[in-house]
Every structure is written in structure tokens, then in C-alpha cells.
PDB file of N, CA and C in Angstrom:
ATOM      1  N   UNK A   1       0.789  -1.156   0.029  1.00  0.00           N
ATOM      2  CA  UNK A   1      -0.025   0.039   0.005  1.00  0.00           C
ATOM      3  C   UNK A   1       0.906   1.169  -0.038  1.00  0.00           C
ATOM      4  N   UNK A   2       0.495   2.193  -0.802  1.00  0.00           N
ATOM      5  CA  UNK A   2       1.230   3.435  -0.940  1.00  0.00           C
ATOM      6  C   UNK A   2       0.926   4.354   0.299  1.00  0.00           C
ATOM      7  N   UNK A   3       1.945   4.724   1.123  1.00  0.00           N
ATOM      8  CA  UNK A   3       1.683   5.481   2.311  1.00  0.00           C
ATOM      9  C   UNK A   3       2.721   6.696   2.336  1.00  0.00           C
ATOM     10  N   UNK A   4       2.182   7.879   2.368  1.00  0.00           N
ATOM     11  CA  UNK A   4       3.042   8.988   2.363  1.00  0.00           C
ATOM     12  C   UNK A   4       3.191   9.421   3.912  1.00  0.00           C
ATOM     13  N   UNK A   5       4.421   9.574   4.255  1.00  0.00           N
ATOM     14  CA  UNK A   5       4.681   9.921   5.750  1.00  0.00           C
ATOM     15  C   UNK A   5       5.425  11.236   5.772  1.00  0.00           C
ATOM     16  N   UNK A   6       4.765  12.179   6.440  1.00  0.00           N
ATOM     17  CA  UNK A   6       5.328  13.565   6.577  1.00  0.00           C
ATOM     18  C   UNK A   6       5.578  13.898   8.036  1.00  0.00           C
ATOM     19  N   UNK A   7       6.834  14.206   8.368  1.00  0.00           N
ATOM     20  CA  UNK A   7       7.209  14.660   9.644  1.00  0.00           C
ATOM     21  C   UNK A   7       7.386  16.137   9.638  1.00  0.00           C
ATOM     22  N   UNK A   8       6.626  16.910  10.350  1.00  0.00           N
ATOM     23  CA  UNK A   8       6.519  18.273  10.236  1.00  0.00           C
ATOM     24  C   UNK A   8       7.443  19.021  11.177  1.00  0.00           C
ATOM     25  N   UNK A   9       8.451  19.805  10.760  1.00  0.00           N
ATOM     26  CA  UNK A   9       9.400  20.414  11.503  1.00  0.00           C
ATOM     27  C   UNK A   9      10.429  19.497  12.304  1.00  0.00           C
ATOM     28  N   UNK A  10      10.600  18.267  11.805  1.00  0.00           N
ATOM     29  CA  UNK A  10      11.594  17.430  12.353  1.00  0.00           C
ATOM     30  C   UNK A  10      11.831  16.218  11.400  1.00  0.00           C
ATOM     31  N   UNK A  11      12.902  15.559  11.466  1.00  0.00           N
ATOM     32  CA  UNK A  11      13.301  14.334  10.611  1.00  0.00           C
ATOM     33  C   UNK A  11      13.048  13.071  11.391  1.00  0.00           C
ATOM     34  N   UNK A  12      12.153  12.278  10.868  1.00  0.00           N
ATOM     35  CA  UNK A  12      11.835  11.006  11.541  1.00  0.00           C
ATOM     36  C   UNK A  12      12.893   9.962  11.131  1.00  0.00           C
ATOM     37  N   UNK A  13      13.343   9.111  12.052  1.00  0.00           N
ATOM     38  CA  UNK A  13      14.287   8.129  11.726  1.00  0.00           C
ATOM     39  C   UNK A  13      13.704   6.950  10.887  1.00  0.00           C
ATOM     40  N   UNK A  14      14.559   6.191  10.295  1.00  0.00           N
ATOM     41  CA  UNK A  14      14.008   5.089   9.482  1.00  0.00           C
ATOM     42  C   UNK A  14      13.345   4.062  10.303  1.00  0.00           C
ATOM     43  N   UNK A  15      13.608   3.827  11.518  1.00  0.00           N
ATOM     44  CA  UNK A  15      12.958   2.862  12.333  1.00  0.00           C
ATOM     45  C   UNK A  15      11.508   3.196  12.576  1.00  0.00           C
ATOM     46  N   UNK A  16      11.383   4.472  12.801  1.00  0.00           N
ATOM     47  CA  UNK A  16       9.913   5.011  13.061  1.00  0.00           C
ATOM     48  C   UNK A  16       9.148   4.827  11.700  1.00  0.00           C
ATOM     49  N   UNK A  17       9.762   5.294  10.583  1.00  0.00           N
ATOM     50  CA  UNK A  17       9.104   5.164   9.272  1.00  0.00           C
ATOM     51  C   UNK A  17       8.649   3.729   8.965  1.00  0.00           C
ATOM     52  N   UNK A  18       9.556   2.734   9.247  1.00  0.00           N
ATOM     53  CA  UNK A  18       9.271   1.346   9.024  1.00  0.00           C
ATOM     54  C   UNK A  18       8.072   0.927   9.931  1.00  0.00           C
ATOM     55  N   UNK A  19       8.169   1.370  11.242  1.00  0.00           N
ATOM     56  CA  UNK A  19       7.068   0.997  12.136  1.00  0.00           C
ATOM     57  C   UNK A  19       5.706   1.486  11.586  1.00  0.00           C
ATOM     58  N   UNK A  20       5.653   2.754  11.173  1.00  0.00           N
ATOM     59  CA  UNK A  20       4.466   3.354  10.644  1.00  0.00           C
ATOM     60  C   UNK A  20       3.978   2.588   9.409  1.00  0.00           C
ATOM     61  N   UNK A  21       4.848   2.396   8.518  1.00  0.00           N
ATOM     62  CA  UNK A  21       4.535   1.651   7.285  1.00  0.00           C
ATOM     63  C   UNK A  21       3.920   0.252   7.600  1.00  0.00           C
ATOM     64  N   UNK A  22       4.428  -0.494   8.563  1.00  0.00           N
ATOM     65  CA  UNK A  22       4.006  -1.784   8.881  1.00  0.00           C
ATOM     66  C   UNK A  22       2.553  -1.662   9.484  1.00  0.00           C
ATOM     67  N   UNK A  23       2.292  -0.666  10.422  1.00  0.00           N
ATOM     68  CA  UNK A  23       1.080  -0.606  11.077  1.00  0.00           C
ATOM     69  C   UNK A  23      -0.073  -0.211  10.120  1.00  0.00           C
ATOM     70  N   UNK A  24       0.242   0.739   9.110  1.00  0.00           N
ATOM     71  CA  UNK A  24      -0.730   1.135   8.197  1.00  0.00           C
ATOM     72  C   UNK A  24      -1.052   0.133   7.126  1.00  0.00           C
ATOM     73  N   UNK A  25      -0.003  -0.625   6.775  1.00  0.00           N
ATOM     74  CA  UNK A  25      -0.221  -1.839   5.856  1.00  0.00           C
ATOM     75  C   UNK A  25      -1.205  -2.823   6.347  1.00  0.00           C
ATOM     76  N   UNK A  26      -1.179  -2.986   7.707  1.00  0.00           N
ATOM     77  CA  UNK A  26      -2.059  -4.053   8.286  1.00  0.00           C
ATOM     78  C   UNK A  26      -3.541  -3.621   8.071  1.00  0.00           C
ATOM     79  N   UNK A  27      -3.831  -2.286   7.971  1.00  0.00           N
ATOM     80  CA  UNK A  27      -5.214  -1.983   7.621  1.00  0.00           C
ATOM     81  C   UNK A  27      -5.776  -2.446   6.426  1.00  0.00           C
ATOM     82  N   UNK A  28      -4.823  -2.756   5.436  1.00  0.00           N
ATOM     83  CA  UNK A  28      -5.337  -3.275   4.153  1.00  0.00           C
ATOM     84  C   UNK A  28      -5.782  -4.746   4.276  1.00  0.00           C
ATOM     85  N   UNK A  29      -5.458  -5.514   5.388  1.00  0.00           N
ATOM     86  CA  UNK A  29      -5.950  -6.828   5.616  1.00  0.00           C
ATOM     87  C   UNK A  29      -7.393  -6.935   5.861  1.00  0.00           C
ATOM     88  N   UNK A  30      -8.046  -5.826   6.433  1.00  0.00           N
ATOM     89  CA  UNK A  30      -9.384  -5.705   6.899  1.00  0.00           C
ATOM     90  C   UNK A  30     -10.337  -5.418   5.752  1.00  0.00           C
ATOM     91  N   UNK A  31      -9.891  -4.727   4.794  1.00  0.00           N
ATOM     92  CA  UNK A  31     -10.706  -4.170   3.648  1.00  0.00           C
ATOM     93  C   UNK A  31      -9.881  -4.058   2.376  1.00  0.00           C
ATOM     94  N   UNK A  32     -10.300  -4.738   1.272  1.00  0.00           N
ATOM     95  CA  UNK A  32      -9.504  -4.641   0.078  1.00  0.00           C
ATOM     96  C   UNK A  32      -9.535  -3.278  -0.579  1.00  0.00           C
ATOM     97  N   UNK A  33     -10.489  -2.534  -0.200  1.00  0.00           N
ATOM     98  CA  UNK A  33     -10.788  -1.240  -0.919  1.00  0.00           C
ATOM     99  C   UNK A  33      -9.850  -0.099  -0.353  1.00  0.00           C
ATOM    100  N   UNK A  34      -8.938  -0.457   0.499  1.00  0.00           N
ATOM    101  CA  UNK A  34      -8.031   0.512   1.083  1.00  0.00           C
ATOM    102  C   UNK A  34      -6.924   0.796  -0.134  1.00  0.00           C
ATOM    103  N   UNK A  35      -6.883   2.036  -0.577  1.00  0.00           N
ATOM    104  CA  UNK A  35      -5.943   2.373  -1.697  1.00  0.00           C
ATOM    105  C   UNK A  35      -4.634   2.899  -1.217  1.00  0.00           C
ATOM    106  N   UNK A  36      -4.589   3.598  -0.183  1.00  0.00           N
ATOM    107  CA  UNK A  36      -3.342   4.265   0.289  1.00  0.00           C
ATOM    108  C   UNK A  36      -3.578   5.095   1.525  1.00  0.00           C
ATOM    109  N   UNK A  37      -2.624   5.830   1.894  1.00  0.00           N
ATOM    110  CA  UNK A  37      -2.770   6.726   3.056  1.00  0.00           C
ATOM    111  C   UNK A  37      -1.821   7.781   3.218  1.00  0.00           C
ATOM    112  N   UNK A  38      -2.028   8.613   4.176  1.00  0.00           N
ATOM    113  CA  UNK A  38      -1.103   9.768   4.415  1.00  0.00           C
ATOM    114  C   UNK A  38      -0.940   9.717   5.991  1.00  0.00           C
ATOM    115  N   UNK A  39       0.261   9.959   6.473  1.00  0.00           N
ATOM    116  CA  UNK A  39       0.501  10.066   7.865  1.00  0.00           C
ATOM    117  C   UNK A  39       1.295  11.371   8.092  1.00  0.00           C
ATOM    118  N   UNK A  40       0.850  12.174   9.133  1.00  0.00           N
ATOM    119  CA  UNK A  40       1.298  13.395   9.495  1.00  0.00           C
ATOM    120  C   UNK A  40       1.795  13.267  10.824  1.00  0.00           C
ATOM    121  N   UNK A  41       3.121  13.559  11.172  1.00  0.00           N
ATOM    122  CA  UNK A  41       3.661  13.515  12.438  1.00  0.00           C
ATOM    123  C   UNK A  41       4.119  14.945  12.919  1.00  0.00           C
ATOM    124  N   UNK A  42       3.747  15.276  14.035  1.00  0.00           N
ATOM    125  CA  UNK A  42       4.099  16.652  14.479  1.00  0.00           C
ATOM    126  C   UNK A  42       4.176  16.705  16.082  1.00  0.00           C
ATOM    127  N   UNK A  43       4.958  17.763  16.469  1.00  0.00           N
ATOM    128  CA  UNK A  43       5.121  17.988  17.862  1.00  0.00           C
ATOM    129  C   UNK A  43       4.318  19.202  18.290  1.00  0.00           C
ATOM    130  N   UNK A  44       3.402  18.908  19.339  1.00  0.00           N
ATOM    131  CA  UNK A  44       2.581  20.061  19.781  1.00  0.00           C
ATOM    132  C   UNK A  44       3.433  20.879  20.699  1.00  0.00           C
ATOM    133  N   UNK A  45       3.189  22.128  20.683  1.00  0.00           N
ATOM    134  CA  UNK A  45       3.855  23.070  21.628  1.00  0.00           C
ATOM    135  C   UNK A  45       3.057  23.083  22.977  1.00  0.00           C
ATOM    136  N   UNK A  46       3.414  22.193  23.854  1.00  0.00           N
ATOM    137  CA  UNK A  46       2.656  22.090  25.158  1.00  0.00           C
ATOM    138  C   UNK A  46       3.681  21.828  26.218  1.00  0.00           C
ATOM    139  N   UNK A  47       3.335  22.165  27.446  1.00  0.00           N
ATOM    140  CA  UNK A  47       4.166  21.759  28.556  1.00  0.00           C
ATOM    141  C   UNK A  47       4.012  20.279  28.983  1.00  0.00           C
ATOM    142  N   UNK A  48       2.950  19.620  28.555  1.00  0.00           N
ATOM    143  CA  UNK A  48       2.684  18.309  28.891  1.00  0.00           C
ATOM    144  C   UNK A  48       3.591  17.262  28.089  1.00  0.00           C
ATOM    145  N   UNK A  49       3.951  16.214  28.660  1.00  0.00           N
ATOM    146  CA  UNK A  49       4.806  15.211  27.954  1.00  0.00           C
ATOM    147  C   UNK A  49       4.083  14.568  26.835  1.00  0.00           C
ATOM    148  N   UNK A  50       2.761  14.563  26.782  1.00  0.00           N
ATOM    149  CA  UNK A  50       2.113  13.896  25.766  1.00  0.00           C
ATOM    150  C   UNK A  50       1.845  14.943  24.480  1.00  0.00           C
ATOM    151  N   UNK A  51       3.066  15.283  23.852  1.00  0.00           N
ATOM    152  CA  UNK A  51       3.011  16.277  22.799  1.00  0.00           C
ATOM    153  C   UNK A  51       3.241  15.702  21.445  1.00  0.00           C
ATOM    154  N   UNK A  52       3.301  14.418  21.246  1.00  0.00           N
ATOM    155  CA  UNK A  52       3.497  13.812  19.911  1.00  0.00           C
ATOM    156  C   UNK A  52       2.210  13.531  19.252  1.00  0.00           C
ATOM    157  N   UNK A  53       1.907  13.991  18.120  1.00  0.00           N
ATOM    158  CA  UNK A  53       0.682  13.809  17.479  1.00  0.00           C
ATOM    159  C   UNK A  53       0.804  13.109  16.150  1.00  0.00           C
ATOM    160  N   UNK A  54      -0.050  12.147  15.927  1.00  0.00           N
ATOM    161  CA  UNK A  54      -0.083  11.277  14.606  1.00  0.00           C
ATOM    162  C   UNK A  54      -1.446  11.460  14.083  1.00  0.00           C
ATOM    163  N   UNK A  55      -1.483  11.980  12.864  1.00  0.00           N
ATOM    164  CA  UNK A  55      -2.697  12.037  12.064  1.00  0.00           C
ATOM    165  C   UNK A  55      -2.648  11.047  10.867  1.00  0.00           C
ATOM    166  N   UNK A  56      -3.532  10.273  10.816  1.00  0.00           N
ATOM    167  CA  UNK A  56      -3.561   9.217   9.689  1.00  0.00           C
ATOM    168  C   UNK A  56      -4.836   9.359   8.905  1.00  0.00           C
ATOM    169  N   UNK A  57      -4.632   9.466   7.654  1.00  0.00           N
ATOM    170  CA  UNK A  57      -5.846   9.562   6.703  1.00  0.00           C
ATOM    171  C   UNK A  57      -5.712   8.317   5.786  1.00  0.00           C
ATOM    172  N   UNK A  58      -6.747   7.521   5.643  1.00  0.00           N
ATOM    173  CA  UNK A  58      -6.662   6.312   4.811  1.00  0.00           C
ATOM    174  C   UNK A  58      -7.726   6.690   3.660  1.00  0.00           C
ATOM    175  N   UNK A  59      -7.254   6.339   2.453  1.00  0.00           N
ATOM    176  CA  UNK A  59      -8.052   6.583   1.211  1.00  0.00           C
ATOM    177  C   UNK A  59      -8.602   5.282   0.796  1.00  0.00           C
ATOM    178  N   UNK A  60      -9.844   5.112   0.618  1.00  0.00           N
ATOM    179  CA  UNK A  60     -10.644   3.964   0.126  1.00  0.00           C
ATOM    180  C   UNK A  60     -11.236   4.273  -1.173  1.00  0.00           C
ATOM    181  N   UNK A  61     -11.822   3.268  -1.799  1.00  0.00           N
ATOM    182  CA  UNK A  61     -12.409   3.476  -3.048  1.00  0.00           C
ATOM    183  C   UNK A  61     -13.673   4.332  -2.967  1.00  0.00           C
ATOM    184  N   UNK A  62     -14.278   4.443  -1.855  1.00  0.00           N
ATOM    185  CA  UNK A  62     -15.508   5.248  -1.755  1.00  0.00           C
ATOM    186  C   UNK A  62     -15.403   6.462  -0.763  1.00  0.00           C
ATOM    187  N   UNK A  63     -14.204   6.722  -0.242  1.00  0.00           N
ATOM    188  CA  UNK A  63     -14.021   7.918   0.528  1.00  0.00           C
ATOM    189  C   UNK A  63     -12.775   7.882   1.283  1.00  0.00           C
ATOM    190  N   UNK A  64     -12.804   8.564   2.472  1.00  0.00           N
ATOM    191  CA  UNK A  64     -11.485   8.705   3.249  1.00  0.00           C
ATOM    192  C   UNK A  64     -11.844   8.459   4.770  1.00  0.00           C
ATOM    193  N   UNK A  65     -10.995   7.849   5.441  1.00  0.00           N
ATOM    194  CA  UNK A  65     -11.168   7.690   6.912  1.00  0.00           C
ATOM    195  C   UNK A  65     -10.018   8.420   7.619  1.00  0.00           C
ATOM    196  N   UNK A  66     -10.264   8.968   8.790  1.00  0.00           N
ATOM    197  CA  UNK A  66      -9.273   9.809   9.466  1.00  0.00           C
ATOM    198  C   UNK A  66      -9.203   9.499  10.919  1.00  0.00           C
ATOM    199  N   UNK A  67      -8.037   9.528  11.535  1.00  0.00           N
ATOM    200  CA  UNK A  67      -7.845   9.371  12.985  1.00  0.00           C
ATOM    201  C   UNK A  67      -6.651  10.360  13.444  1.00  0.00           C
ATOM    202  N   UNK A  68      -6.883  10.880  14.598  1.00  0.00           N
ATOM    203  CA  UNK A  68      -5.723  11.623  15.106  1.00  0.00           C
ATOM    204  C   UNK A  68      -5.598  11.355  16.613  1.00  0.00           C
ATOM    205  N   UNK A  69      -4.443  11.089  17.087  1.00  0.00           N
ATOM    206  CA  UNK A  69      -4.148  10.857  18.407  1.00  0.00           C
ATOM    207  C   UNK A  69      -2.904  11.557  18.962  1.00  0.00           C
ATOM    208  N   UNK A  70      -2.942  11.894  20.231  1.00  0.00           N
ATOM    209  CA  UNK A  70      -1.821  12.660  20.880  1.00  0.00           C
ATOM    210  C   UNK A  70      -1.236  11.803  22.017  1.00  0.00           C
ATOM    211  N   UNK A  71      -0.037  11.470  22.119  1.00  0.00           N
ATOM    212  CA  UNK A  71       0.419  10.571  23.105  1.00  0.00           C
ATOM    213  C   UNK A  71       1.898  10.983  23.512  1.00  0.00           C
ATOM    214  N   UNK A  72       2.517  10.202  24.385  1.00  0.00           N
ATOM    215  CA  UNK A  72       3.849  10.485  24.869  1.00  0.00           C
ATOM    216  C   UNK A  72       4.934  10.094  23.860  1.00  0.00           C
ATOM    217  N   UNK A  73       4.548   9.214  22.873  1.00  0.00           N
ATOM    218  CA  UNK A  73       5.515   8.759  21.814  1.00  0.00           C
ATOM    219  C   UNK A  73       4.842   8.633  20.515  1.00  0.00           C
ATOM    220  N   UNK A  74       5.565   8.794  19.436  1.00  0.00           N
ATOM    221  CA  UNK A  74       5.078   8.621  18.090  1.00  0.00           C
ATOM    222  C   UNK A  74       4.401   7.199  17.929  1.00  0.00           C
ATOM    223  N   UNK A  75       5.220   6.252  18.376  1.00  0.00           N
ATOM    224  CA  UNK A  75       4.915   4.833  18.254  1.00  0.00           C
ATOM    225  C   UNK A  75       3.529   4.575  18.878  1.00  0.00           C
ATOM    226  N   UNK A  76       3.256   5.111  20.131  1.00  0.00           N
ATOM    227  CA  UNK A  76       2.073   4.991  20.825  1.00  0.00           C
ATOM    228  C   UNK A  76       0.907   5.667  20.155  1.00  0.00           C
ATOM    229  N   UNK A  77       1.190   6.976  19.600  1.00  0.00           N
ATOM    230  CA  UNK A  77       0.183   7.606  18.691  1.00  0.00           C
ATOM    231  C   UNK A  77      -0.171   7.082  17.506  1.00  0.00           C
ATOM    232  N   UNK A  78       0.749   6.370  16.840  1.00  0.00           N
ATOM    233  CA  UNK A  78       0.489   5.651  15.601  1.00  0.00           C
ATOM    234  C   UNK A  78      -0.315   4.484  15.909  1.00  0.00           C
ATOM    235  N   UNK A  79       0.004   3.718  16.960  1.00  0.00           N
ATOM    236  CA  UNK A  79      -0.698   2.419  17.358  1.00  0.00           C
ATOM    237  C   UNK A  79      -2.124   2.760  17.725  1.00  0.00           C
ATOM    238  N   UNK A  80      -2.427   3.810  18.469  1.00  0.00           N
ATOM    239  CA  UNK A  80      -3.778   4.225  18.825  1.00  0.00           C
ATOM    240  C   UNK A  80      -4.531   4.654  17.614  1.00  0.00           C
ATOM    241  N   UNK A  81      -3.858   5.407  16.830  1.00  0.00           N
ATOM    242  CA  UNK A  81      -4.597   5.896  15.510  1.00  0.00           C
ATOM    243  C   UNK A  81      -4.969   4.687  14.688  1.00  0.00           C
ATOM    244  N   UNK A  82      -3.926   3.746  14.449  1.00  0.00           N
ATOM    245  CA  UNK A  82      -4.323   2.667  13.558  1.00  0.00           C
ATOM    246  C   UNK A  82      -5.372   1.734  14.261  1.00  0.00           C
ATOM    247  N   UNK A  83      -5.363   1.704  15.480  1.00  0.00           N
ATOM    248  CA  UNK A  83      -6.446   0.910  16.179  1.00  0.00           C
ATOM    249  C   UNK A  83      -7.885   1.497  15.904  1.00  0.00           C
ATOM    250  N   UNK A  84      -7.913   2.815  16.067  1.00  0.00           N
ATOM    251  CA  UNK A  84      -9.322   3.533  15.710  1.00  0.00           C
ATOM    252  C   UNK A  84      -9.577   3.455  14.233  1.00  0.00           C
ATOM    253  N   UNK A  85      -8.496   3.452  13.301  1.00  0.00           N
ATOM    254  CA  UNK A  85      -8.902   3.261  11.962  1.00  0.00           C
ATOM    255  C   UNK A  85      -9.311   1.836  11.656  1.00  0.00           C
ATOM    256  N   UNK A  86      -8.816   0.800  12.391  1.00  0.00           N
ATOM    257  CA  UNK A  86      -9.127  -0.539  12.089  1.00  0.00           C
ATOM    258  C   UNK A  86     -10.667  -0.657  12.356  1.00  0.00           C
ATOM    259  N   UNK A  87     -11.164  -0.074  13.401  1.00  0.00           N
ATOM    260  CA  UNK A  87     -12.606  -0.077  13.766  1.00  0.00           C
ATOM    261  C   UNK A  87     -13.326   0.601  12.674  1.00  0.00           C
ATOM    262  N   UNK A  88     -12.943   1.684  12.193  1.00  0.00           N
ATOM    263  CA  UNK A  88     -13.611   2.495  11.082  1.00  0.00           C
ATOM    264  C   UNK A  88     -13.562   1.728   9.845  1.00  0.00           C
ATOM    265  N   UNK A  89     -12.547   1.096   9.446  1.00  0.00           N
ATOM    266  CA  UNK A  89     -12.325   0.335   8.204  1.00  0.00           C
ATOM    267  C   UNK A  89     -13.368  -0.837   8.280  1.00  0.00           C
ATOM    268  N   UNK A  90     -13.432  -1.498   9.449  1.00  0.00           N
ATOM    269  CA  UNK A  90     -14.480  -2.655   9.622  1.00  0.00           C
ATOM    270  C   UNK A  90     -15.889  -2.199   9.295  1.00  0.00           C
ATOM    271  N   UNK A  91     -16.220  -1.028  10.024  1.00  0.00           N
ATOM    272  CA  UNK A  91     -17.580  -0.513   9.851  1.00  0.00           C
ATOM    273  C   UNK A  91     -17.752  -0.024   8.412  1.00  0.00           C
ATOM    274  N   UNK A  92     -16.846   0.599   7.812  1.00  0.00           N
ATOM    275  CA  UNK A  92     -16.837   0.951   6.326  1.00  0.00           C
ATOM    276  C   UNK A  92     -17.080  -0.127   5.435  1.00  0.00           C
ATOM    277  N   UNK A  93     -16.372  -1.173   5.792  1.00  0.00           N
ATOM    278  CA  UNK A  93     -16.567  -2.441   4.967  1.00  0.00           C
ATOM    279  C   UNK A  93     -17.936  -3.023   5.009  1.00  0.00           C
ATOM    280  N   UNK A  94     -18.595  -3.052   6.232  1.00  0.00           N
ATOM    281  CA  UNK A  94     -19.973  -3.574   6.416  1.00  0.00           C
ATOM    282  C   UNK A  94     -20.908  -2.620   5.678  1.00  0.00           C
ATOM    283  N   UNK A  95     -20.655  -1.286   5.748  1.00  0.00           N
ATOM    284  CA  UNK A  95     -21.516  -0.319   5.212  1.00  0.00           C
ATOM    285  C   UNK A  95     -21.574  -0.493   3.598  1.00  0.00           C
ATOM    286  N   UNK A  96     -20.375  -0.659   3.071  1.00  0.00           N
ATOM    287  CA  UNK A  96     -20.202  -0.858   1.574  1.00  0.00           C
ATOM    288  C   UNK A  96     -20.913  -2.101   1.138  1.00  0.00           C
ATOM    289  N   UNK A  97     -20.794  -3.230   1.889  1.00  0.00           N
ATOM    290  CA  UNK A  97     -21.431  -4.376   1.624  1.00  0.00           C
ATOM    291  C   UNK A  97     -23.009  -4.303   1.457  1.00  0.00           C
ATOM    292  N   UNK A  98     -23.592  -3.515   2.334  1.00  0.00           N
ATOM    293  CA  UNK A  98     -25.064  -3.257   2.325  1.00  0.00           C
ATOM    294  C   UNK A  98     -25.483  -2.567   1.218  1.00  0.00           C
ATOM    295  N   UNK A  99     -24.655  -1.786   0.565  1.00  0.00           N
ATOM    296  CA  UNK A  99     -24.991  -0.989  -0.579  1.00  0.00           C
ATOM    297  C   UNK A  99     -25.035  -1.934  -1.777  1.00  0.00           C
TER     298      UNK A  99
END
């Protein structure tokens, strides 16, 4: 699956990029209509330690799905976002089946 990963105002290391690619690729197992996705990583300006934000947008044949999470690490934020998207993808698949 084609996934564009953008780290805003910092350079993500290859280990993080590979982790994100693996997590987003797994979403394709739940629905064949997943065409690709975009991931945006950024740091929030806050005093809290939970300042890492991951926004993931998945493109399907019939629309887009989106999740955004803010956590202490990018890995945790990506994991929570993909978990939320997994639920959305499953619901979207059932909805498309009914049409």
C-alpha cells in the first residue's frame, strides 16, 4: 500500500518510518478497498509530555477515513490511531457491503 509519511518540523528516523508503514499496511488486511494513506507526525507546543501527534488519513475506493491521536511517543500515537482506523475500516466495509 502506498503510504506518504510527513514529519513536520523534524526528521523521523528510518525505524519510526518502518514502524508506521507496517502498522498502516495491516489496515489493508481488513478491507481490500484501502488504496493508500497519508501520515502526518508533529510535535505540539505544550508543557505536557504527551506532545507527539499522529494524524492518519486512509483513502478507500468510496471515501476517506481519518484518525488523530496525541500521546507521549509517536509509536504509541500511531498505534492508537491505527487501532481507531481498524474499527472505522471494519464499519466502512460492512456499510459498503450493504450497498
